[in-house]
Amino acid sequence: MPRATNAPASRRRRRRRLSLAKGFYGARHRLFRQATAAVDRAMKLATIHRKLKKRDYRDLWIARLSAACRPHGLNYSRFIEGLTKANVLLNRKMLSEIAIQDPKGFAEIVALSKSARGI
């Protein structure tokens, strides 16, 4: 009996992996073994970096809020403490957008935070 190699499925699997490696340099997009290693690493790093991107954006929003609070005589942590006590449910992304787009509105939010803290 002849040896069964399951060639169509093997070829399809290799073609799929090589298509994922499209755009990689040199052997990493031509040869199956190198392409497999490169694609596995790229997938792992893509997952990690998707999570890091969320962290980076949160850091950016906090830095913006801290810079916007300073002229009002308040630091970031006291500002957030006051908002928590005042039950303001705006997230940091929206607060930073308000600080950039509407400085007068942000000043009112800062005043609300200060009054909740008893300043």
PDB file of N, CA and C in Angstrom:
ATOM      1  N   MET A   1       0.847  -1.183   0.000  1.00  0.00           N
ATOM      2  CA  MET A   1       0.000   0.000   0.000  1.00  0.00           C
ATOM      3  C   MET A   1       0.896   1.251   0.000  1.00  0.00           C
ATOM      4  N   PRO A   2       0.565   2.229  -0.815  1.00  0.00           N
ATOM      5  CA  PRO A   2       1.409   3.427  -0.871  1.00  0.00           C
ATOM      6  C   PRO A   2       1.309   4.256   0.414  1.00  0.00           C
ATOM      7  N   ARG A   3       2.361   5.030   0.638  1.00  0.00           N
ATOM      8  CA  ARG A   3       2.422   5.876   1.827  1.00  0.00           C
ATOM      9  C   ARG A   3       1.514   7.089   1.641  1.00  0.00           C
ATOM     10  N   ALA A   4       0.650   7.350   2.643  1.00  0.00           N
ATOM     11  CA  ALA A   4      -0.244   8.510   2.591  1.00  0.00           C
ATOM     12  C   ALA A   4       0.453   9.689   3.267  1.00  0.00           C
ATOM     13  N   THR A   5       0.569  10.802   2.550  1.00  0.00           N
ATOM     14  CA  THR A   5       1.300  11.952   3.086  1.00  0.00           C
ATOM     15  C   THR A   5       0.380  13.108   3.479  1.00  0.00           C
ATOM     16  N   ASN A   6      -0.893  13.004   3.140  1.00  0.00           N
ATOM     17  CA  ASN A   6      -1.837  14.086   3.414  1.00  0.00           C
ATOM     18  C   ASN A   6      -1.334  15.401   2.799  1.00  0.00           C
ATOM     19  N   ALA A   7      -0.845  15.297   1.555  1.00  0.00           N
ATOM     20  CA  ALA A   7      -0.183  16.430   0.899  1.00  0.00           C
ATOM     21  C   ALA A   7      -1.058  17.684   0.772  1.00  0.00           C
ATOM     22  N   PRO A   8      -2.328  17.567   0.389  1.00  0.00           N
ATOM     23  CA  PRO A   8      -3.103  18.816   0.238  1.00  0.00           C
ATOM     24  C   PRO A   8      -3.218  19.611   1.538  1.00  0.00           C
ATOM     25  N   ALA A   9      -3.450  18.913   2.645  1.00  0.00           N
ATOM     26  CA  ALA A   9      -3.579  19.608   3.919  1.00  0.00           C
ATOM     27  C   ALA A   9      -2.235  20.183   4.359  1.00  0.00           C
ATOM     28  N   SER A  10      -1.157  19.429   4.145  1.00  0.00           N
ATOM     29  CA  SER A  10       0.171  19.917   4.516  1.00  0.00           C
ATOM     30  C   SER A  10       0.525  21.160   3.717  1.00  0.00           C
ATOM     31  N   ARG A  11       0.253  21.128   2.416  1.00  0.00           N
ATOM     32  CA  ARG A  11       0.550  22.271   1.556  1.00  0.00           C
ATOM     33  C   ARG A  11      -0.273  23.491   1.984  1.00  0.00           C
ATOM     34  N   ARG A  12      -1.536  23.251   2.302  1.00  0.00           N
ATOM     35  CA  ARG A  12      -2.422  24.344   2.733  1.00  0.00           C
ATOM     36  C   ARG A  12      -1.919  24.955   4.050  1.00  0.00           C
ATOM     37  N   ARG A  13      -1.496  24.092   4.963  1.00  0.00           N
ATOM     38  CA  ARG A  13      -0.983  24.572   6.249  1.00  0.00           C
ATOM     39  C   ARG A  13       0.287  25.392   6.047  1.00  0.00           C
ATOM     40  N   ARG A  14       1.186  24.933   5.186  1.00  0.00           N
ATOM     41  CA  ARG A  14       2.430  25.670   4.922  1.00  0.00           C
ATOM     42  C   ARG A  14       2.140  26.996   4.216  1.00  0.00           C
ATOM     43  N   ARG A  15       1.226  26.971   3.252  1.00  0.00           N
ATOM     44  CA  ARG A  15       0.899  28.199   2.527  1.00  0.00           C
ATOM     45  C   ARG A  15       0.284  29.237   3.464  1.00  0.00           C
ATOM     46  N   ARG A  16      -0.555  28.765   4.395  1.00  0.00           N
ATOM     47  CA  ARG A  16      -1.185  29.685   5.353  1.00  0.00           C
ATOM     48  C   ARG A  16      -0.118  30.330   6.245  1.00  0.00           C
ATOM     49  N   ARG A  17       0.845  29.528   6.714  1.00  0.00           N
ATOM     50  CA  ARG A  17       1.889  30.055   7.585  1.00  0.00           C
ATOM     51  C   ARG A  17       2.793  31.028   6.826  1.00  0.00           C
ATOM     52  N   LEU A  18       3.114  30.696   5.569  1.00  0.00           N
ATOM     53  CA  LEU A  18       3.959  31.582   4.774  1.00  0.00           C
ATOM     54  C   LEU A  18       3.230  32.880   4.424  1.00  0.00           C
ATOM     55  N   SER A  19       1.919  32.818   4.278  1.00  0.00           N
ATOM     56  CA  SER A  19       1.186  34.055   3.984  1.00  0.00           C
ATOM     57  C   SER A  19       1.154  34.958   5.215  1.00  0.00           C
ATOM     58  N   LEU A  20       1.175  34.370   6.413  1.00  0.00           N
ATOM     59  CA  LEU A  20       1.251  35.185   7.628  1.00  0.00           C
ATOM     60  C   LEU A  20       2.607  35.879   7.739  1.00  0.00           C
ATOM     61  N   ALA A  21       3.641  35.274   7.106  1.00  0.00           N
ATOM     62  CA  ALA A  21       4.994  35.838   7.175  1.00  0.00           C
ATOM     63  C   ALA A  21       5.261  36.806   6.029  1.00  0.00           C
ATOM     64  N   LYS A  22       4.226  37.189   5.286  1.00  0.00           N
ATOM     65  CA  LYS A  22       4.410  38.106   4.171  1.00  0.00           C
ATOM     66  C   LYS A  22       4.942  39.442   4.687  1.00  0.00           C
ATOM     67  N   GLY A  23       5.970  39.961   4.044  1.00  0.00           N
ATOM     68  CA  GLY A  23       6.544  41.218   4.470  1.00  0.00           C
ATOM     69  C   GLY A  23       7.759  41.048   5.362  1.00  0.00           C
ATOM     70  N   PHE A  24       8.004  39.835   5.848  1.00  0.00           N
ATOM     71  CA  PHE A  24       9.201  39.599   6.643  1.00  0.00           C
ATOM     72  C   PHE A  24      10.414  39.558   5.709  1.00  0.00           C
ATOM     73  N   TYR A  25      11.601  39.746   6.267  1.00  0.00           N
ATOM     74  CA  TYR A  25      12.811  39.904   5.484  1.00  0.00           C
ATOM     75  C   TYR A  25      13.502  38.567   5.259  1.00  0.00           C
ATOM     76  N   GLY A  26      14.003  38.361   4.053  1.00  0.00           N
ATOM     77  CA  GLY A  26      14.850  37.217   3.740  1.00  0.00           C
ATOM     78  C   GLY A  26      14.146  35.876   3.875  1.00  0.00           C
ATOM     79  N   ALA A  27      14.849  34.924   4.510  1.00  0.00           N
ATOM     80  CA  ALA A  27      14.343  33.562   4.631  1.00  0.00           C
ATOM     81  C   ALA A  27      13.091  33.498   5.500  1.00  0.00           C
ATOM     82  N   ARG A  28      12.864  34.532   6.290  1.00  0.00           N
ATOM     83  CA  ARG A  28      11.726  34.496   7.208  1.00  0.00           C
ATOM     84  C   ARG A  28      10.390  34.535   6.483  1.00  0.00           C
ATOM     85  N   HIS A  29      10.374  34.900   5.214  1.00  0.00           N
ATOM     86  CA  HIS A  29       9.111  34.817   4.472  1.00  0.00           C
ATOM     87  C   HIS A  29       9.164  33.787   3.350  1.00  0.00           C
ATOM     88  N   ARG A  30      10.333  33.130   3.188  1.00  0.00           N
ATOM     89  CA  ARG A  30      10.467  32.149   2.122  1.00  0.00           C
ATOM     90  C   ARG A  30      10.467  30.707   2.626  1.00  0.00           C
ATOM     91  N   LEU A  31      11.122  30.467   3.751  1.00  0.00           N
ATOM     92  CA  LEU A  31      11.333  29.102   4.230  1.00  0.00           C
ATOM     93  C   LEU A  31      10.409  28.810   5.397  1.00  0.00           C
ATOM     94  N   PHE A  32       9.827  27.644   5.371  1.00  0.00           N
ATOM     95  CA  PHE A  32       8.753  27.324   6.315  1.00  0.00           C
ATOM     96  C   PHE A  32       9.219  27.358   7.764  1.00  0.00           C
ATOM     97  N   ARG A  33      10.353  26.767   8.063  1.00  0.00           N
ATOM     98  CA  ARG A  33      10.775  26.674   9.463  1.00  0.00           C
ATOM     99  C   ARG A  33      11.073  28.062  10.034  1.00  0.00           C
ATOM    100  N   GLN A  34      11.798  28.876   9.282  1.00  0.00           N
ATOM    101  CA  GLN A  34      12.087  30.234   9.742  1.00  0.00           C
ATOM    102  C   GLN A  34      10.812  31.071   9.816  1.00  0.00           C
ATOM    103  N   ALA A  35       9.919  30.866   8.854  1.00  0.00           N
ATOM    104  CA  ALA A  35       8.655  31.611   8.860  1.00  0.00           C
ATOM    105  C   ALA A  35       7.820  31.228  10.070  1.00  0.00           C
ATOM    106  N   THR A  36       7.812  29.963  10.430  1.00  0.00           N
ATOM    107  CA  THR A  36       7.050  29.516  11.589  1.00  0.00           C
ATOM    108  C   THR A  36       7.566  30.171  12.862  1.00  0.00           C
ATOM    109  N   ALA A  37       8.893  30.182  13.025  1.00  0.00           N
ATOM    110  CA  ALA A  37       9.475  30.802  14.223  1.00  0.00           C
ATOM    111  C   ALA A  37       9.168  32.301  14.254  1.00  0.00           C
ATOM    112  N   ALA A  38       9.298  32.950  13.101  1.00  0.00           N
ATOM    113  CA  ALA A  38       9.076  34.393  13.042  1.00  0.00           C
ATOM    114  C   ALA A  38       7.622  34.741  13.308  1.00  0.00           C
ATOM    115  N   VAL A  39       6.692  33.967  12.746  1.00  0.00           N
ATOM    116  CA  VAL A  39       5.269  34.238  12.936  1.00  0.00           C
ATOM    117  C   VAL A  39       4.867  33.975  14.381  1.00  0.00           C
ATOM    118  N   ASP A  40       5.393  32.900  14.974  1.00  0.00           N
ATOM    119  CA  ASP A  40       5.069  32.621  16.380  1.00  0.00           C
ATOM    120  C   ASP A  40       5.525  33.766  17.280  1.00  0.00           C
ATOM    121  N   ARG A  41       6.727  34.255  17.038  1.00  0.00           N
ATOM    122  CA  ARG A  41       7.252  35.362  17.836  1.00  0.00           C
ATOM    123  C   ARG A  41       6.432  36.631  17.603  1.00  0.00           C
ATOM    124  N   ALA A  42       6.088  36.889  16.348  1.00  0.00           N
ATOM    125  CA  ALA A  42       5.306  38.090  16.027  1.00  0.00           C
ATOM    126  C   ALA A  42       3.937  38.050  16.689  1.00  0.00           C
ATOM    127  N   MET A  43       3.303  36.886  16.700  1.00  0.00           N
ATOM    128  CA  MET A  43       1.984  36.755  17.335  1.00  0.00           C
ATOM    129  C   MET A  43       2.090  36.978  18.840  1.00  0.00           C
ATOM    130  N   LYS A  44       3.132  36.420  19.446  1.00  0.00           N
ATOM    131  CA  LYS A  44       3.316  36.584  20.891  1.00  0.00           C
ATOM    132  C   LYS A  44       3.535  38.059  21.237  1.00  0.00           C
ATOM    133  N   LEU A  45       4.403  38.718  20.457  1.00  0.00           N
ATOM    134  CA  LEU A  45       4.689  40.124  20.733  1.00  0.00           C
ATOM    135  C   LEU A  45       3.486  41.015  20.437  1.00  0.00           C
ATOM    136  N   ALA A  46       2.690  40.652  19.434  1.00  0.00           N
ATOM    137  CA  ALA A  46       1.501  41.448  19.128  1.00  0.00           C
ATOM    138  C   ALA A  46       0.533  41.420  20.302  1.00  0.00           C
ATOM    139  N   THR A  47       0.390  40.258  20.930  1.00  0.00           N
ATOM    140  CA  THR A  47      -0.484  40.151  22.099  1.00  0.00           C
ATOM    141  C   THR A  47       0.040  40.993  23.248  1.00  0.00           C
ATOM    142  N   ILE A  48       1.337  40.892  23.500  1.00  0.00           N
ATOM    143  CA  ILE A  48       1.945  41.656  24.593  1.00  0.00           C
ATOM    144  C   ILE A  48       1.791  43.151  24.341  1.00  0.00           C
ATOM    145  N   HIS A  49       2.053  43.579  23.111  1.00  0.00           N
ATOM    146  CA  HIS A  49       2.034  44.999  22.806  1.00  0.00           C
ATOM    147  C   HIS A  49       0.621  45.570  22.768  1.00  0.00           C
ATOM    148  N   ARG A  50      -0.371  44.756  22.465  1.00  0.00           N
ATOM    149  CA  ARG A  50      -1.755  45.242  22.575  1.00  0.00           C
ATOM    150  C   ARG A  50      -2.065  45.606  24.015  1.00  0.00           C
ATOM    151  N   LYS A  51      -1.564  44.822  24.937  1.00  0.00           N
ATOM    152  CA  LYS A  51      -1.803  45.114  26.349  1.00  0.00           C
ATOM    153  C   LYS A  51      -0.968  46.312  26.808  1.00  0.00           C
ATOM    154  N   LEU A  52       0.272  46.425  26.324  1.00  0.00           N
ATOM    155  CA  LEU A  52       1.121  47.551  26.693  1.00  0.00           C
ATOM    156  C   LEU A  52       0.564  48.878  26.170  1.00  0.00           C
ATOM    157  N   LYS A  53      -0.092  48.818  25.010  1.00  0.00           N
ATOM    158  CA  LYS A  53      -0.650  50.042  24.430  1.00  0.00           C
ATOM    159  C   LYS A  53      -1.702  50.650  25.348  1.00  0.00           C
ATOM    160  N   LYS A  54      -2.516  49.806  25.954  1.00  0.00           N
ATOM    161  CA  LYS A  54      -3.525  50.291  26.903  1.00  0.00           C
ATOM    162  C   LYS A  54      -2.843  50.996  28.076  1.00  0.00           C
ATOM    163  N   ARG A  55      -1.767  50.397  28.585  1.00  0.00           N
ATOM    164  CA  ARG A  55      -1.031  50.970  29.708  1.00  0.00           C
ATOM    165  C   ARG A  55      -0.407  52.311  29.313  1.00  0.00           C
ATOM    166  N   ASP A  56       0.152  52.374  28.096  1.00  0.00           N
ATOM    167  CA  ASP A  56       0.793  53.609  27.633  1.00  0.00           C
ATOM    168  C   ASP A  56      -0.216  54.748  27.511  1.00  0.00           C
ATOM    169  N   TYR A  57      -1.407  54.442  26.990  1.00  0.00           N
ATOM    170  CA  TYR A  57      -2.413  55.486  26.858  1.00  0.00           C
ATOM    171  C   TYR A  57      -2.873  55.982  28.226  1.00  0.00           C
ATOM    172  N   ARG A  58      -3.045  55.082  29.168  1.00  0.00           N
ATOM    173  CA  ARG A  58      -3.445  55.509  30.506  1.00  0.00           C
ATOM    174  C   ARG A  58      -2.377  56.420  31.122  1.00  0.00           C
ATOM    175  N   ASP A  59      -1.098  56.065  30.935  1.00  0.00           N
ATOM    176  CA  ASP A  59      -0.013  56.927  31.416  1.00  0.00           C
ATOM    177  C   ASP A  59      -0.073  58.309  30.775  1.00  0.00           C
ATOM    178  N   LEU A  60      -0.372  58.356  29.472  1.00  0.00           N
ATOM    179  CA  LEU A  60      -0.476  59.634  28.768  1.00  0.00           C
ATOM    180  C   LEU A  60      -1.602  60.489  29.346  1.00  0.00           C
ATOM    181  N   TRP A  61      -2.770  59.866  29.580  1.00  0.00           N
ATOM    182  CA  TRP A  61      -3.909  60.619  30.112  1.00  0.00           C
ATOM    183  C   TRP A  61      -3.593  61.148  31.510  1.00  0.00           C
ATOM    184  N   ILE A  62      -2.930  60.352  32.320  1.00  0.00           N
ATOM    185  CA  ILE A  62      -2.586  60.771  33.679  1.00  0.00           C
ATOM    186  C   ILE A  62      -1.581  61.925  33.632  1.00  0.00           C
ATOM    187  N   ALA A  63      -0.607  61.848  32.738  1.00  0.00           N
ATOM    188  CA  ALA A  63       0.369  62.939  32.610  1.00  0.00           C
ATOM    189  C   ALA A  63      -0.319  64.231  32.177  1.00  0.00           C
ATOM    190  N   ARG A  64      -1.264  64.128  31.252  1.00  0.00           N
ATOM    191  CA  ARG A  64      -2.008  65.309  30.812  1.00  0.00           C
ATOM    192  C   ARG A  64      -2.833  65.898  31.950  1.00  0.00           C
ATOM    193  N   LEU A  65      -3.485  65.035  32.706  1.00  0.00           N
ATOM    194  CA  LEU A  65      -4.300  65.522  33.829  1.00  0.00           C
ATOM    195  C   LEU A  65      -3.425  66.176  34.888  1.00  0.00           C
ATOM    196  N   SER A  66      -2.291  65.586  35.162  1.00  0.00           N
ATOM    197  CA  SER A  66      -1.387  66.151  36.148  1.00  0.00           C
ATOM    198  C   SER A  66      -0.932  67.542  35.722  1.00  0.00           C
ATOM    199  N   ALA A  67      -0.587  67.693  34.448  1.00  0.00           N
ATOM    200  CA  ALA A  67      -0.156  68.999  33.934  1.00  0.00           C
ATOM    201  C   ALA A  67      -1.299  70.005  33.956  1.00  0.00           C
ATOM    202  N   ALA A  68      -2.518  69.549  33.717  1.00  0.00           N
ATOM    203  CA  ALA A  68      -3.668  70.454  33.706  1.00  0.00           C
ATOM    204  C   ALA A  68      -4.085  70.864  35.119  1.00  0.00           C
ATOM    205  N   CYS A  69      -3.827  70.021  36.113  1.00  0.00           N
ATOM    206  CA  CYS A  69      -4.216  70.320  37.493  1.00  0.00           C
ATOM    207  C   CYS A  69      -3.251  71.292  38.175  1.00  0.00           C
ATOM    208  N   ARG A  70      -1.989  71.261  37.799  1.00  0.00           N
ATOM    209  CA  ARG A  70      -0.965  72.072  38.471  1.00  0.00           C
ATOM    210  C   ARG A  70      -1.311  73.560  38.515  1.00  0.00           C
ATOM    211  N   PRO A  71      -1.747  74.180  37.409  1.00  0.00           N
ATOM    212  CA  PRO A  71      -2.054  75.617  37.480  1.00  0.00           C
ATOM    213  C   PRO A  71      -3.196  75.952  38.438  1.00  0.00           C
ATOM    214  N   HIS A  72      -4.006  74.965  38.773  1.00  0.00           N
ATOM    215  CA  HIS A  72      -5.130  75.176  39.689  1.00  0.00           C
ATOM    216  C   HIS A  72      -4.738  74.899  41.143  1.00  0.00           C
ATOM    217  N   GLY A  73      -3.446  74.662  41.380  1.00  0.00           N
ATOM    218  CA  GLY A  73      -2.963  74.448  42.738  1.00  0.00           C
ATOM    219  C   GLY A  73      -3.309  73.077  43.287  1.00  0.00           C
ATOM    220  N   LEU A  74      -3.340  72.076  42.436  1.00  0.00           N
ATOM    221  CA  LEU A  74      -3.741  70.731  42.845  1.00  0.00           C
ATOM    222  C   LEU A  74      -2.842  69.741  42.127  1.00  0.00           C
ATOM    223  N   ASN A  75      -2.491  68.657  42.792  1.00  0.00           N
ATOM    224  CA  ASN A  75      -1.777  67.616  42.058  1.00  0.00           C
ATOM    225  C   ASN A  75      -2.765  66.534  41.630  1.00  0.00           C
ATOM    226  N   TYR A  76      -2.272  65.602  40.820  1.00  0.00           N
ATOM    227  CA  TYR A  76      -3.150  64.603  40.201  1.00  0.00           C
ATOM    228  C   TYR A  76      -3.862  63.740  41.238  1.00  0.00           C
ATOM    229  N   SER A  77      -3.117  63.247  42.210  1.00  0.00           N
ATOM    230  CA  SER A  77      -3.719  62.299  43.152  1.00  0.00           C
ATOM    231  C   SER A  77      -4.800  62.971  43.994  1.00  0.00           C
ATOM    232  N   ARG A  78      -4.585  64.211  44.402  1.00  0.00           N
ATOM    233  CA  ARG A  78      -5.612  64.936  45.171  1.00  0.00           C
ATOM    234  C   ARG A  78      -6.825  65.255  44.303  1.00  0.00           C
ATOM    235  N   PHE A  79      -6.581  65.522  43.026  1.00  0.00           N
ATOM    236  CA  PHE A  79      -7.671  65.775  42.082  1.00  0.00           C
ATOM    237  C   PHE A  79      -8.569  64.551  41.955  1.00  0.00           C
ATOM    238  N   ILE A  80      -7.957  63.395  41.760  1.00  0.00           N
ATOM    239  CA  ILE A  80      -8.720  62.149  41.616  1.00  0.00           C
ATOM    240  C   ILE A  80      -9.417  61.802  42.933  1.00  0.00           C
ATOM    241  N   GLU A  81      -8.758  62.056  44.050  1.00  0.00           N
ATOM    242  CA  GLU A  81      -9.380  61.810  45.361  1.00  0.00           C
ATOM    243  C   GLU A  81     -10.654  62.650  45.507  1.00  0.00           C
ATOM    244  N   GLY A  82     -10.577  63.912  45.118  1.00  0.00           N
ATOM    245  CA  GLY A  82     -11.751  64.788  45.205  1.00  0.00           C
ATOM    246  C   GLY A  82     -12.871  64.344  44.288  1.00  0.00           C
ATOM    247  N   LEU A  83     -12.511  63.898  43.084  1.00  0.00           N
ATOM    248  CA  LEU A  83     -13.543  63.422  42.150  1.00  0.00           C
ATOM    249  C   LEU A  83     -14.214  62.162  42.687  1.00  0.00           C
ATOM    250  N   THR A  84     -13.450  61.309  43.324  1.00  0.00           N
ATOM    251  CA  THR A  84     -14.015  60.088  43.899  1.00  0.00           C
ATOM    252  C   THR A  84     -14.994  60.433  45.012  1.00  0.00           C
ATOM    253  N   LYS A  85     -14.597  61.383  45.860  1.00  0.00           N
ATOM    254  CA  LYS A  85     -15.489  61.792  46.949  1.00  0.00           C
ATOM    255  C   LYS A  85     -16.737  62.490  46.425  1.00  0.00           C
ATOM    256  N   ALA A  86     -16.607  63.179  45.276  1.00  0.00           N
ATOM    257  CA  ALA A  86     -17.750  63.883  44.688  1.00  0.00           C
ATOM    258  C   ALA A  86     -18.594  62.962  43.802  1.00  0.00           C
ATOM    259  N   ASN A  87     -18.225  61.693  43.703  1.00  0.00           N
ATOM    260  CA  ASN A  87     -18.919  60.703  42.873  1.00  0.00           C
ATOM    261  C   ASN A  87     -18.987  61.112  41.407  1.00  0.00           C
ATOM    262  N   VAL A  88     -17.902  61.681  40.898  1.00  0.00           N
ATOM    263  CA  VAL A  88     -17.790  62.002  39.476  1.00  0.00           C
ATOM    264  C   VAL A  88     -17.271  60.754  38.773  1.00  0.00           C
ATOM    265  N   LEU A  89     -18.001  60.276  37.784  1.00  0.00           N
ATOM    266  CA  LEU A  89     -17.671  58.998  37.162  1.00  0.00           C
ATOM    267  C   LEU A  89     -16.980  59.141  35.803  1.00  0.00           C
ATOM    268  N   LEU A  90     -16.381  60.297  35.536  1.00  0.00           N
ATOM    269  CA  LEU A  90     -15.653  60.467  34.281  1.00  0.00           C
ATOM    270  C   LEU A  90     -14.331  59.709  34.347  1.00  0.00           C
ATOM    271  N   ASN A  91     -13.992  59.028  33.260  1.00  0.00           N
ATOM    272  CA  ASN A  91     -12.719  58.307  33.264  1.00  0.00           C
ATOM    273  C   ASN A  91     -11.579  59.246  32.875  1.00  0.00           C
ATOM    274  N   ARG A  92     -10.361  58.755  32.990  1.00  0.00           N
ATOM    275  CA  ARG A  92      -9.193  59.598  32.779  1.00  0.00           C
ATOM    276  C   ARG A  92      -9.081  60.060  31.335  1.00  0.00           C
ATOM    277  N   LYS A  93      -9.503  59.231  30.402  1.00  0.00           N
ATOM    278  CA  LYS A  93      -9.459  59.619  28.990  1.00  0.00           C
ATOM    279  C   LYS A  93     -10.345  60.833  28.744  1.00  0.00           C
ATOM    280  N   MET A  94     -11.573  60.794  29.241  1.00  0.00           N
ATOM    281  CA  MET A  94     -12.504  61.901  29.034  1.00  0.00           C
ATOM    282  C   MET A  94     -12.047  63.146  29.788  1.00  0.00           C
ATOM    283  N   LEU A  95     -11.524  62.957  30.996  1.00  0.00           N
ATOM    284  CA  LEU A  95     -11.026  64.103  31.758  1.00  0.00           C
ATOM    285  C   LEU A  95      -9.876  64.793  31.026  1.00  0.00           C
ATOM    286  N   SER A  96      -8.976  64.004  30.431  1.00  0.00           N
ATOM    287  CA  SER A  96      -7.855  64.621  29.715  1.00  0.00           C
ATOM    288  C   SER A  96      -8.344  65.332  28.451  1.00  0.00           C
ATOM    289  N   GLU A  97      -9.352  64.775  27.789  1.00  0.00           N
ATOM    290  CA  GLU A  97      -9.916  65.446  26.607  1.00  0.00           C
ATOM    291  C   GLU A  97     -10.584  66.760  27.008  1.00  0.00           C
ATOM    292  N   ILE A  98     -11.293  66.747  28.126  1.00  0.00           N
ATOM    293  CA  ILE A  98     -11.921  67.985  28.616  1.00  0.00           C
ATOM    294  C   ILE A  98     -10.845  69.009  28.949  1.00  0.00           C
ATOM    295  N   ALA A  99      -9.762  68.575  29.582  1.00  0.00           N
ATOM    296  CA  ALA A  99      -8.677  69.491  29.946  1.00  0.00           C
ATOM    297  C   ALA A  99      -8.072  70.146  28.709  1.00  0.00           C
ATOM    298  N   ILE A 100      -7.990  69.405  27.613  1.00  0.00           N
ATOM    299  CA  ILE A 100      -7.396  69.946  26.388  1.00  0.00           C
ATOM    300  C   ILE A 100      -8.398  70.825  25.633  1.00  0.00           C
ATOM    301  N   GLN A 101      -9.623  70.330  25.448  1.00  0.00           N
ATOM    302  CA  GLN A 101     -10.599  70.995  24.582  1.00  0.00           C
ATOM    303  C   GLN A 101     -11.358  72.119  25.271  1.00  0.00           C
ATOM    304  N   ASP A 102     -11.597  71.976  26.585  1.00  0.00           N
ATOM    305  CA  ASP A 102     -12.456  72.929  27.294  1.00  0.00           C
ATOM    306  C   ASP A 102     -11.830  73.297  28.639  1.00  0.00           C
ATOM    307  N   PRO A 103     -10.844  74.191  28.650  1.00  0.00           N
ATOM    308  CA  PRO A 103     -10.169  74.530  29.908  1.00  0.00           C
ATOM    309  C   PRO A 103     -11.109  75.119  30.960  1.00  0.00           C
ATOM    310  N   LYS A 104     -12.119  75.878  30.540  1.00  0.00           N
ATOM    311  CA  LYS A 104     -13.060  76.446  31.517  1.00  0.00           C
ATOM    312  C   LYS A 104     -13.889  75.351  32.174  1.00  0.00           C
ATOM    313  N   GLY A 105     -14.346  74.408  31.387  1.00  0.00           N
ATOM    314  CA  GLY A 105     -15.087  73.279  31.939  1.00  0.00           C
ATOM    315  C   GLY A 105     -14.229  72.451  32.873  1.00  0.00           C
ATOM    316  N   PHE A 106     -12.941  72.294  32.523  1.00  0.00           N
ATOM    317  CA  PHE A 106     -12.030  71.549  33.389  1.00  0.00           C
ATOM    318  C   PHE A 106     -11.820  72.286  34.703  1.00  0.00           C
ATOM    319  N   ALA A 107     -11.772  73.632  34.637  1.00  0.00           N
ATOM    320  CA  ALA A 107     -11.626  74.419  35.871  1.00  0.00           C
ATOM    321  C   ALA A 107     -12.812  74.187  36.796  1.00  0.00           C
ATOM    322  N   GLU A 108     -14.009  74.036  36.237  1.00  0.00           N
ATOM    323  CA  GLU A 108     -15.193  73.743  37.052  1.00  0.00           C
ATOM    324  C   GLU A 108     -15.086  72.362  37.696  1.00  0.00           C
ATOM    325  N   ILE A 109     -14.560  71.405  36.953  1.00  0.00           N
ATOM    326  CA  ILE A 109     -14.379  70.060  37.509  1.00  0.00           C
ATOM    327  C   ILE A 109     -13.356  70.102  38.644  1.00  0.00           C
ATOM    328  N   VAL A 110     -12.288  70.886  38.455  1.00  0.00           N
ATOM    329  CA  VAL A 110     -11.280  71.020  39.515  1.00  0.00           C
ATOM    330  C   VAL A 110     -11.905  71.662  40.751  1.00  0.00           C
ATOM    331  N   ALA A 111     -12.753  72.675  40.534  1.00  0.00           N
ATOM    332  CA  ALA A 111     -13.411  73.325  41.660  1.00  0.00           C
ATOM    333  C   ALA A 111     -14.328  72.327  42.390  1.00  0.00           C
ATOM    334  N   LEU A 112     -14.999  71.490  41.646  1.00  0.00           N
ATOM    335  CA  LEU A 112     -15.845  70.454  42.234  1.00  0.00           C
ATOM    336  C   LEU A 112     -15.009  69.491  43.068  1.00  0.00           C
ATOM    337  N   SER A 113     -13.854  69.112  42.534  1.00  0.00           N
ATOM    338  CA  SER A 113     -12.954  68.215  43.254  1.00  0.00           C
ATOM    339  C   SER A 113     -12.456  68.857  44.546  1.00  0.00           C
ATOM    340  N   LYS A 114     -12.098  70.134  44.463  1.00  0.00           N
ATOM    341  CA  LYS A 114     -11.611  70.830  45.650  1.00  0.00           C
ATOM    342  C   LYS A 114     -12.705  70.947  46.715  1.00  0.00           C
ATOM    343  N   SER A 115     -13.920  71.275  46.288  1.00  0.00           N
ATOM    344  CA  SER A 115     -15.011  71.408  47.265  1.00  0.00           C
ATOM    345  C   SER A 115     -15.347  70.079  47.922  1.00  0.00           C
ATOM    346  N   ALA A 116     -15.236  68.984  47.183  1.00  0.00           N
ATOM    347  CA  ALA A 116     -15.504  67.653  47.765  1.00  0.00           C
ATOM    348  C   ALA A 116     -14.457  67.296  48.804  1.00  0.00           C
ATOM    349  N   ARG A 117     -13.237  67.780  48.602  1.00  0.00           N
ATOM    350  CA  ARG A 117     -12.169  67.526  49.568  1.00  0.00           C
ATOM    351  C   ARG A 117     -12.203  68.503  50.728  1.00  0.00           C
ATOM    352  N   GLY A 118     -13.016  69.554  50.627  1.00  0.00           N
ATOM    353  CA  GLY A 118     -13.122  70.515  51.713  1.00  0.00           C
ATOM    354  C   GLY A 118     -12.058  71.585  51.693  1.00  0.00           C
ATOM    355  N   ILE A 119     -11.585  71.919  50.483  1.00  0.00           N
ATOM    356  CA  ILE A 119     -10.544  72.954  50.368  1.00  0.00           C
ATOM    357  C   ILE A 119     -11.189  74.279  50.021  1.00  0.00           C
TER     358      ILE A 119
END
